[in-house]
Amino acid sequence: MRRAKGICTLEASQLARLPWLAHGFSTRIDNARSAAGAPFNLGFTDADSRSVVAARRIRFAAAVGAADWPLLAARQFHSDVIHVIAEPRAPSDPPRADALLTQIPGVLLTVQTADCVPILLVDTRRRAIAAIHAGWRGTLARIVQKVLGKMRMTFGTRSADIIAAMGPSIGPCCYEVGPEVAQAFAGQFGAAKEWFEGPFDRLSSGEEPNPLPWLNMMPPGHQPAPPRVQLDLRAANRWQLLDAGVPPARIAVSPLCTACRTDLLFSYRREAATGRLMSAIGIRAR
């Protein structure tokens, strides 16, 4: 954990070794006196005014070593849409996307999360970067692999030159999903069973424990809850990186679970009304 500008941020050790790179993962901790202990929310939610959040984003950028850089944030919508940043300034209308990538120095790419997996990618040879928001829908749509493909087409990136860092996200200990998610993953990935705990085979096959629930003679409203499984989003995205050719030693995964560590992080699943974390990455000028 790193403390700067009165806030606590996290960093990936492999990325921290690159002197030409700025990066960081925010936490909810703000030690500034003016904050009076308020959580360090970086999302434009109902919890804080836009002016307060905008001021916090400036502090966060400075804390990760990118003071006065344009902070670029997309309008995320759980998709596989990728936007390439081609100009060194923030657009007047933020793009609708769940991944940003660039080769331009002096801009800070960001994604916001409160359980989903934030993924930062760095091409150490071409000096190209990406910031990815991967929830279960984005993971199902293989957004991380599509970003690698886009980097290959745009910058000439090779998977062997990539360092990938996953920030804090909800862990399999706390992430229960229903049969529809298990079935969707089973239909897309042969390795999907490895990422689930619980009756995955039964749920992914579409079998119901009792196709005629009225036969159990239980009154309406007293039927047993449908079975659930626990999904490891980190493992699913790590598998996709490996499948795309990223070396295992160049993939870093934070073990912090947002739902377990609401003292440090925000979790929509655990808290419902909550703030947003921000993950950021940028290239320093040569």
C-alpha atoms as a PDB file:
ATOM      1  CA  MET A   1       0.000   0.000   0.000  1.00  0.00           C
ATOM      2  CA  ARG A   2       1.221   3.456  -0.897  1.00  0.00           C
ATOM      3  CA  ARG A   3       0.248   6.683   0.836  1.00  0.00           C
ATOM      4  CA  ALA A   4       0.402   9.978  -1.042  1.00  0.00           C
ATOM      5  CA  LYS A   5      -1.650  13.174  -1.107  1.00  0.00           C
ATOM      6  CA  GLY A   6      -3.487  11.974   2.002  1.00  0.00           C
ATOM      7  CA  ILE A   7      -4.948   8.885   0.292  1.00  0.00           C
ATOM      8  CA  CYS A   8      -4.031   5.216   0.180  1.00  0.00           C
ATOM      9  CA  THR A   9      -3.439   3.532  -3.168  1.00  0.00           C
ATOM     10  CA  LEU A  10      -2.326   0.070  -4.226  1.00  0.00           C
ATOM     11  CA  GLU A  11       0.109  -0.841  -6.974  1.00  0.00           C
ATOM     12  CA  ALA A  12       1.343  -3.921  -8.833  1.00  0.00           C
ATOM     13  CA  SER A  13       5.013  -4.594  -8.172  1.00  0.00           C
ATOM     14  CA  GLN A  14       5.784  -5.577 -11.789  1.00  0.00           C
ATOM     15  CA  LEU A  15       4.314  -2.329 -13.092  1.00  0.00           C
ATOM     16  CA  ALA A  16       5.992  -0.268 -10.362  1.00  0.00           C
ATOM     17  CA  ARG A  17       9.383  -1.367 -11.720  1.00  0.00           C
ATOM     18  CA  LEU A  18       8.757   0.429 -15.020  1.00  0.00           C
ATOM     19  CA  PRO A  19      10.047   4.024 -14.594  1.00  0.00           C
ATOM     20  CA  TRP A  20       8.142   5.244 -17.648  1.00  0.00           C
ATOM     21  CA  LEU A  21       4.790   4.093 -16.291  1.00  0.00           C
ATOM     22  CA  ALA A  22       2.315   5.648 -13.848  1.00  0.00           C
ATOM     23  CA  HIS A  23      -0.369   3.418 -12.354  1.00  0.00           C
ATOM     24  CA  GLY A  24      -2.402   2.726  -9.244  1.00  0.00           C
ATOM     25  CA  PHE A  25      -5.569   1.258  -7.746  1.00  0.00           C
ATOM     26  CA  SER A  26      -7.580   3.462  -5.400  1.00  0.00           C
ATOM     27  CA  THR A  27      -9.002   2.482  -2.019  1.00  0.00           C
ATOM     28  CA  ARG A  28     -11.770   4.041   0.048  1.00  0.00           C
ATOM     29  CA  ILE A  29      -9.317   5.483   2.585  1.00  0.00           C
ATOM     30  CA  ASP A  30      -8.867   9.258   2.703  1.00  0.00           C
ATOM     31  CA  ASN A  31      -6.708  10.638   5.493  1.00  0.00           C
ATOM     32  CA  ALA A  32      -7.005  14.288   4.482  1.00  0.00           C
ATOM     33  CA  ARG A  33      -8.328  16.455   7.284  1.00  0.00           C
ATOM     34  CA  SER A  34     -10.806  18.170   4.985  1.00  0.00           C
ATOM     35  CA  ALA A  35     -12.436  14.835   4.188  1.00  0.00           C
ATOM     36  CA  ALA A  36     -13.533  14.269   7.809  1.00  0.00           C
ATOM     37  CA  GLY A  37     -13.236  10.530   7.319  1.00  0.00           C
ATOM     38  CA  ALA A  38     -15.505  10.397   4.254  1.00  0.00           C
ATOM     39  CA  PRO A  39     -14.901   7.417   1.939  1.00  0.00           C
ATOM     40  CA  PHE A  40     -12.735   8.240  -1.072  1.00  0.00           C
ATOM     41  CA  ASN A  41     -15.389   7.661  -3.715  1.00  0.00           C
ATOM     42  CA  LEU A  42     -14.198   8.346  -7.281  1.00  0.00           C
ATOM     43  CA  GLY A  43     -17.457   7.627  -9.091  1.00  0.00           C
ATOM     44  CA  PHE A  44     -20.148  10.116 -10.044  1.00  0.00           C
ATOM     45  CA  THR A  45     -22.789   8.466  -7.868  1.00  0.00           C
ATOM     46  CA  ASP A  46     -25.503   9.854  -5.608  1.00  0.00           C
ATOM     47  CA  ALA A  47     -23.130   9.586  -2.642  1.00  0.00           C
ATOM     48  CA  ASP A  48     -21.185  12.752  -3.523  1.00  0.00           C
ATOM     49  CA  SER A  49     -21.477  15.889  -5.611  1.00  0.00           C
ATOM     50  CA  ARG A  50     -19.705  16.009  -8.966  1.00  0.00           C
ATOM     51  CA  SER A  51     -17.426  18.797  -7.760  1.00  0.00           C
ATOM     52  CA  VAL A  52     -16.258  16.744  -4.775  1.00  0.00           C
ATOM     53  CA  VAL A  53     -15.582  13.691  -6.951  1.00  0.00           C
ATOM     54  CA  ALA A  54     -13.797  15.797  -9.580  1.00  0.00           C
ATOM     55  CA  ALA A  55     -11.499  17.216  -6.881  1.00  0.00           C
ATOM     56  CA  ARG A  56     -10.798  13.718  -5.578  1.00  0.00           C
ATOM     57  CA  ARG A  57      -9.904  12.515  -9.074  1.00  0.00           C
ATOM     58  CA  ILE A  58      -7.305  15.276  -9.306  1.00  0.00           C
ATOM     59  CA  ARG A  59      -5.812  14.132  -5.994  1.00  0.00           C
ATOM     60  CA  PHE A  60      -5.844  10.508  -7.124  1.00  0.00           C
ATOM     61  CA  ALA A  61      -4.049  11.341 -10.370  1.00  0.00           C
ATOM     62  CA  ALA A  62      -1.387  13.199  -8.409  1.00  0.00           C
ATOM     63  CA  ALA A  63      -1.062  10.302  -5.951  1.00  0.00           C
ATOM     64  CA  VAL A  64      -0.214   7.850  -8.753  1.00  0.00           C
ATOM     65  CA  GLY A  65       2.346  10.241 -10.210  1.00  0.00           C
ATOM     66  CA  ALA A  66       0.227  11.787 -12.957  1.00  0.00           C
ATOM     67  CA  ALA A  67      -0.456  15.283 -11.654  1.00  0.00           C
ATOM     68  CA  ASP A  68      -1.964  17.619 -14.261  1.00  0.00           C
ATOM     69  CA  TRP A  69      -2.524  14.793 -16.745  1.00  0.00           C
ATOM     70  CA  PRO A  70      -5.958  14.520 -18.398  1.00  0.00           C
ATOM     71  CA  LEU A  71      -7.901  11.769 -16.609  1.00  0.00           C
ATOM     72  CA  LEU A  72      -9.902   9.747 -19.128  1.00  0.00           C
ATOM     73  CA  ALA A  73     -12.896   7.717 -18.003  1.00  0.00           C
ATOM     74  CA  ALA A  74     -15.411   5.939 -20.220  1.00  0.00           C
ATOM     75  CA  ARG A  75     -19.127   5.450 -19.686  1.00  0.00           C
ATOM     76  CA  GLN A  76     -18.997   1.769 -18.813  1.00  0.00           C
ATOM     77  CA  PHE A  77     -21.916  -0.535 -19.579  1.00  0.00           C
ATOM     78  CA  HIS A  78     -20.665  -4.117 -19.090  1.00  0.00           C
ATOM     79  CA  SER A  79     -19.732  -4.635 -22.728  1.00  0.00           C
ATOM     80  CA  ASP A  80     -16.792  -5.694 -24.887  1.00  0.00           C
ATOM     81  CA  VAL A  81     -16.530  -2.263 -26.526  1.00  0.00           C
ATOM     82  CA  ILE A  82     -12.982  -0.917 -26.847  1.00  0.00           C
ATOM     83  CA  HIS A  83     -12.017   2.718 -27.428  1.00  0.00           C
ATOM     84  CA  VAL A  84      -8.596   3.826 -28.655  1.00  0.00           C
ATOM     85  CA  ILE A  85      -7.421   7.186 -27.299  1.00  0.00           C
ATOM     86  CA  ALA A  86      -5.825   9.036 -30.205  1.00  0.00           C
ATOM     87  CA  GLU A  87      -5.515  12.571 -28.763  1.00  0.00           C
ATOM     88  CA  PRO A  88      -3.734  13.805 -25.613  1.00  0.00           C
ATOM     89  CA  ARG A  89      -6.829  15.366 -24.051  1.00  0.00           C
ATOM     90  CA  ALA A  90     -10.098  14.313 -22.510  1.00  0.00           C
ATOM     91  CA  PRO A  91     -12.988  14.158 -25.003  1.00  0.00           C
ATOM     92  CA  SER A  92     -15.930  16.472 -24.357  1.00  0.00           C
ATOM     93  CA  ASP A  93     -18.236  13.463 -24.501  1.00  0.00           C
ATOM     94  CA  PRO A  94     -16.760  10.366 -22.765  1.00  0.00           C
ATOM     95  CA  PRO A  95     -16.992   7.276 -24.986  1.00  0.00           C
ATOM     96  CA  ARG A  96     -19.292   4.380 -24.155  1.00  0.00           C
ATOM     97  CA  ALA A  97     -16.798   1.580 -23.643  1.00  0.00           C
ATOM     98  CA  ASP A  98     -15.389  -0.857 -21.120  1.00  0.00           C
ATOM     99  CA  ALA A  99     -11.772  -0.685 -22.247  1.00  0.00           C
ATOM    100  CA  LEU A 100      -9.476   2.196 -23.118  1.00  0.00           C
ATOM    101  CA  LEU A 101      -6.088   1.881 -24.800  1.00  0.00           C
ATOM    102  CA  THR A 102      -3.422   4.247 -26.051  1.00  0.00           C
ATOM    103  CA  GLN A 103       0.215   4.802 -26.912  1.00  0.00           C
ATOM    104  CA  ILE A 104       0.063   8.527 -26.145  1.00  0.00           C
ATOM    105  CA  PRO A 105       2.104   9.719 -23.138  1.00  0.00           C
ATOM    106  CA  GLY A 106       0.756  12.123 -20.553  1.00  0.00           C
ATOM    107  CA  VAL A 107      -2.827  10.859 -20.310  1.00  0.00           C
ATOM    108  CA  LEU A 108      -4.288   8.685 -17.557  1.00  0.00           C
ATOM    109  CA  LEU A 109      -6.592   5.852 -18.624  1.00  0.00           C
ATOM    110  CA  THR A 110      -9.043   4.779 -15.913  1.00  0.00           C
ATOM    111  CA  VAL A 111     -11.802   2.288 -15.195  1.00  0.00           C
ATOM    112  CA  GLN A 112     -14.214   2.254 -12.261  1.00  0.00           C
ATOM    113  CA  THR A 113     -15.225  -0.811 -10.273  1.00  0.00           C
ATOM    114  CA  ALA A 114     -16.987  -1.886  -7.105  1.00  0.00           C
ATOM    115  CA  ASP A 115     -16.629  -5.703  -7.467  1.00  0.00           C
ATOM    116  CA  CYS A 116     -15.783  -6.224 -11.155  1.00  0.00           C
ATOM    117  CA  VAL A 117     -12.196  -6.954 -12.180  1.00  0.00           C
ATOM    118  CA  PRO A 118     -10.021  -3.990 -13.196  1.00  0.00           C
ATOM    119  CA  ILE A 119      -7.250  -5.125 -15.555  1.00  0.00           C
ATOM    120  CA  LEU A 120      -4.262  -3.021 -16.579  1.00  0.00           C
ATOM    121  CA  LEU A 121      -2.193  -4.140 -19.572  1.00  0.00           C
ATOM    122  CA  VAL A 122       1.247  -2.870 -20.553  1.00  0.00           C
ATOM    123  CA  ASP A 123       3.161  -3.650 -23.732  1.00  0.00           C
ATOM    124  CA  THR A 124       6.710  -3.195 -22.462  1.00  0.00           C
ATOM    125  CA  ARG A 125       8.234  -3.206 -25.951  1.00  0.00           C
ATOM    126  CA  ARG A 126       5.861  -0.889 -27.816  1.00  0.00           C
ATOM    127  CA  ARG A 127       4.975   1.196 -24.758  1.00  0.00           C
ATOM    128  CA  ALA A 128       1.243   0.788 -25.235  1.00  0.00           C
ATOM    129  CA  ILE A 129      -1.277   0.454 -22.404  1.00  0.00           C
ATOM    130  CA  ALA A 130      -4.884  -0.531 -21.723  1.00  0.00           C
ATOM    131  CA  ALA A 131      -7.350  -0.251 -18.851  1.00  0.00           C
ATOM    132  CA  ILE A 132     -10.181  -2.803 -18.807  1.00  0.00           C
ATOM    133  CA  HIS A 133     -13.404  -3.198 -16.814  1.00  0.00           C
ATOM    134  CA  ALA A 134     -14.363  -6.895 -16.705  1.00  0.00           C
ATOM    135  CA  GLY A 135     -17.577  -7.919 -14.986  1.00  0.00           C
ATOM    136  CA  TRP A 136     -19.133 -11.304 -15.690  1.00  0.00           C
ATOM    137  CA  ARG A 137     -20.657 -10.053 -18.942  1.00  0.00           C
ATOM    138  CA  GLY A 138     -17.393  -8.572 -20.179  1.00  0.00           C
ATOM    139  CA  THR A 139     -15.523 -11.686 -19.115  1.00  0.00           C
ATOM    140  CA  LEU A 140     -18.056 -13.852 -20.939  1.00  0.00           C
ATOM    141  CA  ALA A 141     -17.548 -11.691 -24.042  1.00  0.00           C
ATOM    142  CA  ARG A 142     -13.728 -12.195 -23.749  1.00  0.00           C
ATOM    143  CA  ILE A 143     -13.046  -8.482 -23.439  1.00  0.00           C
ATOM    144  CA  VAL A 144      -9.449  -8.974 -22.273  1.00  0.00           C
ATOM    145  CA  GLN A 145      -8.628 -11.145 -25.284  1.00  0.00           C
ATOM    146  CA  LYS A 146     -10.322  -8.681 -27.622  1.00  0.00           C
ATOM    147  CA  VAL A 147      -8.241  -5.855 -26.146  1.00  0.00           C
ATOM    148  CA  LEU A 148      -5.077  -7.860 -26.802  1.00  0.00           C
ATOM    149  CA  GLY A 149      -6.237  -8.360 -30.385  1.00  0.00           C
ATOM    150  CA  LYS A 150      -6.933  -4.645 -30.753  1.00  0.00           C
ATOM    151  CA  MET A 151      -3.492  -3.785 -29.358  1.00  0.00           C
ATOM    152  CA  ARG A 152      -1.939  -6.207 -31.835  1.00  0.00           C
ATOM    153  CA  MET A 153      -3.728  -4.547 -34.774  1.00  0.00           C
ATOM    154  CA  THR A 154      -3.205  -0.980 -33.574  1.00  0.00           C
ATOM    155  CA  PHE A 155       0.269  -1.028 -32.051  1.00  0.00           C
ATOM    156  CA  GLY A 156       1.849  -4.290 -33.210  1.00  0.00           C
ATOM    157  CA  THR A 157       1.696  -5.708 -29.685  1.00  0.00           C
ATOM    158  CA  ARG A 158       2.840  -9.272 -29.019  1.00  0.00           C
ATOM    159  CA  SER A 159       1.312 -11.179 -26.118  1.00  0.00           C
ATOM    160  CA  ALA A 160       4.792 -12.197 -24.918  1.00  0.00           C
ATOM    161  CA  ASP A 161       5.567  -8.507 -24.273  1.00  0.00           C
ATOM    162  CA  ILE A 162       2.499  -7.910 -22.093  1.00  0.00           C
ATOM    163  CA  ILE A 163       2.425  -7.428 -18.333  1.00  0.00           C
ATOM    164  CA  ALA A 164      -1.096  -7.772 -16.917  1.00  0.00           C
ATOM    165  CA  ALA A 165      -2.200  -6.625 -13.467  1.00  0.00           C
ATOM    166  CA  MET A 166      -5.627  -7.339 -11.987  1.00  0.00           C
ATOM    167  CA  GLY A 167      -6.667  -5.054  -9.147  1.00  0.00           C
ATOM    168  CA  PRO A 168      -8.950  -5.850  -6.195  1.00  0.00           C
ATOM    169  CA  SER A 169     -12.250  -7.462  -7.150  1.00  0.00           C
ATOM    170  CA  ILE A 170     -14.898  -9.708  -5.648  1.00  0.00           C
ATOM    171  CA  GLY A 171     -13.518 -13.169  -4.932  1.00  0.00           C
ATOM    172  CA  PRO A 172     -15.152 -16.570  -5.427  1.00  0.00           C
ATOM    173  CA  CYS A 173     -15.727 -16.612  -1.672  1.00  0.00           C
ATOM    174  CA  CYS A 174     -18.430 -13.966  -2.072  1.00  0.00           C
ATOM    175  CA  TYR A 175     -19.583 -14.046  -5.699  1.00  0.00           C
ATOM    176  CA  GLU A 176     -22.662 -16.237  -6.052  1.00  0.00           C
ATOM    177  CA  VAL A 177     -24.357 -16.429  -9.445  1.00  0.00           C
ATOM    178  CA  GLY A 178     -27.338 -18.288 -10.814  1.00  0.00           C
ATOM    179  CA  PRO A 179     -27.913 -21.026 -13.403  1.00  0.00           C
ATOM    180  CA  GLU A 180     -28.111 -18.556 -16.292  1.00  0.00           C
ATOM    181  CA  VAL A 181     -24.522 -17.417 -15.694  1.00  0.00           C
ATOM    182  CA  ALA A 182     -23.237 -20.983 -15.334  1.00  0.00           C
ATOM    183  CA  GLN A 183     -24.985 -21.985 -18.557  1.00  0.00           C
ATOM    184  CA  ALA A 184     -23.634 -18.960 -20.443  1.00  0.00           C
ATOM    185  CA  PHE A 185     -20.038 -19.700 -19.411  1.00  0.00           C
ATOM    186  CA  ALA A 186     -20.391 -23.407 -20.136  1.00  0.00           C
ATOM    187  CA  GLY A 187     -21.528 -22.538 -23.652  1.00  0.00           C
ATOM    188  CA  GLN A 188     -18.500 -20.307 -24.282  1.00  0.00           C
ATOM    189  CA  PHE A 189     -15.572 -21.956 -22.519  1.00  0.00           C
ATOM    190  CA  GLY A 190     -14.497 -25.574 -22.326  1.00  0.00           C
ATOM    191  CA  ALA A 191     -12.536 -24.720 -19.171  1.00  0.00           C
ATOM    192  CA  ALA A 192     -15.448 -22.986 -17.436  1.00  0.00           C
ATOM    193  CA  LYS A 193     -15.938 -25.695 -14.817  1.00  0.00           C
ATOM    194  CA  GLU A 194     -12.563 -24.763 -13.305  1.00  0.00           C
ATOM    195  CA  TRP A 195     -13.852 -21.298 -12.394  1.00  0.00           C
ATOM    196  CA  PHE A 196     -16.949 -22.372 -10.445  1.00  0.00           C
ATOM    197  CA  GLU A 197     -17.579 -23.883  -7.045  1.00  0.00           C
ATOM    198  CA  GLY A 198     -20.844 -25.686  -6.372  1.00  0.00           C
ATOM    199  CA  PRO A 199     -23.180 -27.810  -8.542  1.00  0.00           C
ATOM    200  CA  PHE A 200     -21.834 -26.415 -11.820  1.00  0.00           C
ATOM    201  CA  ASP A 201     -22.534 -29.527 -13.909  1.00  0.00           C
ATOM    202  CA  ARG A 202     -26.184 -29.653 -12.864  1.00  0.00           C
ATOM    203  CA  LEU A 203     -26.793 -25.936 -13.319  1.00  0.00           C
ATOM    204  CA  SER A 204     -24.864 -25.564 -16.575  1.00  0.00           C
ATOM    205  CA  SER A 205     -26.756 -28.474 -18.144  1.00  0.00           C
ATOM    206  CA  GLY A 206     -30.071 -26.757 -17.495  1.00  0.00           C
ATOM    207  CA  GLU A 207     -31.356 -29.502 -15.210  1.00  0.00           C
ATOM    208  CA  GLU A 208     -33.747 -28.400 -12.471  1.00  0.00           C
ATOM    209  CA  PRO A 209     -33.740 -30.088  -9.070  1.00  0.00           C
ATOM    210  CA  ASN A 210     -37.512 -30.432  -9.352  1.00  0.00           C
ATOM    211  CA  PRO A 211     -39.088 -29.582 -12.726  1.00  0.00           C
ATOM    212  CA  LEU A 212     -42.559 -29.771 -11.131  1.00  0.00           C
ATOM    213  CA  PRO A 213     -42.127 -27.917  -7.821  1.00  0.00           C
ATOM    214  CA  TRP A 214     -45.834 -28.116  -7.018  1.00  0.00           C
ATOM    215  CA  LEU A 215     -45.367 -31.844  -6.413  1.00  0.00           C
ATOM    216  CA  ASN A 216     -43.521 -31.186  -3.148  1.00  0.00           C
ATOM    217  CA  MET A 217     -46.804 -29.849  -1.686  1.00  0.00           C
ATOM    218  CA  MET A 218     -45.116 -26.736  -0.310  1.00  0.00           C
ATOM    219  CA  PRO A 219     -47.334 -23.619  -0.202  1.00  0.00           C
ATOM    220  CA  PRO A 220     -46.620 -20.743  -2.602  1.00  0.00           C
ATOM    221  CA  GLY A 221     -43.735 -18.586  -1.473  1.00  0.00           C
ATOM    222  CA  HIS A 222     -42.110 -21.441   0.416  1.00  0.00           C
ATOM    223  CA  GLN A 223     -40.311 -23.152  -2.422  1.00  0.00           C
ATOM    224  CA  PRO A 224     -36.591 -23.743  -1.812  1.00  0.00           C
ATOM    225  CA  ALA A 225     -34.255 -21.183  -3.339  1.00  0.00           C
ATOM    226  CA  PRO A 226     -32.701 -22.266  -6.642  1.00  0.00           C
ATOM    227  CA  PRO A 227     -29.180 -23.642  -6.310  1.00  0.00           C
ATOM    228  CA  ARG A 228     -26.302 -21.227  -6.810  1.00  0.00           C
ATOM    229  CA  VAL A 229     -22.651 -21.475  -7.744  1.00  0.00           C
ATOM    230  CA  GLN A 230     -19.664 -19.272  -6.960  1.00  0.00           C
ATOM    231  CA  LEU A 231     -17.740 -17.731  -9.840  1.00  0.00           C
ATOM    232  CA  ASP A 232     -14.033 -16.856  -9.807  1.00  0.00           C
ATOM    233  CA  LEU A 233     -13.830 -13.934 -12.231  1.00  0.00           C
ATOM    234  CA  ARG A 234     -10.114 -13.540 -11.628  1.00  0.00           C
ATOM    235  CA  ALA A 235      -9.403 -17.115 -12.687  1.00  0.00           C
ATOM    236  CA  ALA A 236     -11.571 -16.734 -15.791  1.00  0.00           C
ATOM    237  CA  ASN A 237      -9.685 -13.633 -16.922  1.00  0.00           C
ATOM    238  CA  ARG A 238      -6.297 -15.107 -16.046  1.00  0.00           C
ATOM    239  CA  TRP A 239      -7.141 -18.149 -18.193  1.00  0.00           C
ATOM    240  CA  GLN A 240      -8.014 -15.851 -21.094  1.00  0.00           C
ATOM    241  CA  LEU A 241      -4.697 -14.029 -20.776  1.00  0.00           C
ATOM    242  CA  LEU A 242      -2.814 -17.332 -20.750  1.00  0.00           C
ATOM    243  CA  ASP A 243      -4.850 -18.617 -23.678  1.00  0.00           C
ATOM    244  CA  ALA A 244      -3.889 -15.489 -25.613  1.00  0.00           C
ATOM    245  CA  GLY A 245      -0.198 -16.141 -25.006  1.00  0.00           C
ATOM    246  CA  VAL A 246       0.646 -13.874 -22.059  1.00  0.00           C
ATOM    247  CA  PRO A 247       3.389 -15.588 -19.993  1.00  0.00           C
ATOM    248  CA  PRO A 248       2.202 -16.761 -16.538  1.00  0.00           C
ATOM    249  CA  ALA A 249       5.035 -14.941 -14.775  1.00  0.00           C
ATOM    250  CA  ARG A 250       3.831 -11.656 -16.296  1.00  0.00           C
ATOM    251  CA  ILE A 251       0.305 -11.856 -14.835  1.00  0.00           C
ATOM    252  CA  ALA A 252      -0.272 -10.350 -11.363  1.00  0.00           C
ATOM    253  CA  VAL A 253      -3.572 -10.880  -9.546  1.00  0.00           C
ATOM    254  CA  SER A 254      -4.560  -9.027  -6.378  1.00  0.00           C
ATOM    255  CA  PRO A 255      -5.889 -11.418  -3.705  1.00  0.00           C
ATOM    256  CA  LEU A 256      -8.023  -8.694  -2.098  1.00  0.00           C
ATOM    257  CA  CYS A 257     -11.771  -9.376  -2.180  1.00  0.00           C
ATOM    258  CA  THR A 258     -13.873  -6.223  -2.354  1.00  0.00           C
ATOM    259  CA  ALA A 259     -16.787  -7.859  -0.511  1.00  0.00           C
ATOM    260  CA  CYS A 260     -14.573  -9.170   2.302  1.00  0.00           C
ATOM    261  CA  ARG A 261     -12.618  -5.925   2.696  1.00  0.00           C
ATOM    262  CA  THR A 262     -15.212  -3.169   2.833  1.00  0.00           C
ATOM    263  CA  ASP A 263     -12.941  -1.483   5.354  1.00  0.00           C
ATOM    264  CA  LEU A 264     -10.538  -0.833   2.474  1.00  0.00           C
ATOM    265  CA  LEU A 265     -12.583  -1.194  -0.721  1.00  0.00           C
ATOM    266  CA  PHE A 266     -16.069  -0.593  -2.127  1.00  0.00           C
ATOM    267  CA  SER A 267     -18.383  -3.534  -2.879  1.00  0.00           C
ATOM    268  CA  TYR A 268     -21.705  -3.147  -4.659  1.00  0.00           C
ATOM    269  CA  ARG A 269     -22.586  -6.772  -3.891  1.00  0.00           C
ATOM    270  CA  ARG A 270     -22.012  -6.307  -0.147  1.00  0.00           C
ATOM    271  CA  GLU A 271     -23.100  -2.680   0.324  1.00  0.00           C
ATOM    272  CA  ALA A 272     -25.567  -1.972  -2.552  1.00  0.00           C
ATOM    273  CA  ALA A 273     -25.379   1.830  -2.283  1.00  0.00           C
ATOM    274  CA  THR A 274     -21.664   2.475  -2.376  1.00  0.00           C
ATOM    275  CA  GLY A 275     -18.848   4.383  -4.033  1.00  0.00           C
ATOM    276  CA  ARG A 276     -16.517   3.407  -6.860  1.00  0.00           C
ATOM    277  CA  LEU A 277     -12.852   2.492  -6.949  1.00  0.00           C
ATOM    278  CA  MET A 278     -10.653   3.705  -9.779  1.00  0.00           C
ATOM    279  CA  SER A 279      -7.781   1.907 -11.505  1.00  0.00           C
ATOM    280  CA  ALA A 280      -5.443   4.037 -13.582  1.00  0.00           C
ATOM    281  CA  ILE A 281      -2.502   3.728 -15.952  1.00  0.00           C
ATOM    282  CA  GLY A 282      -0.487   6.186 -18.030  1.00  0.00           C
ATOM    283  CA  ILE A 283       2.768   6.613 -19.950  1.00  0.00           C
ATOM    284  CA  ARG A 284       5.327   9.197 -18.899  1.00  0.00           C
ATOM    285  CA  ALA A 285       6.881  11.353 -21.604  1.00  0.00           C
ATOM    286  CA  ARG A 286      10.332  10.231 -22.677  1.00  0.00           C
END
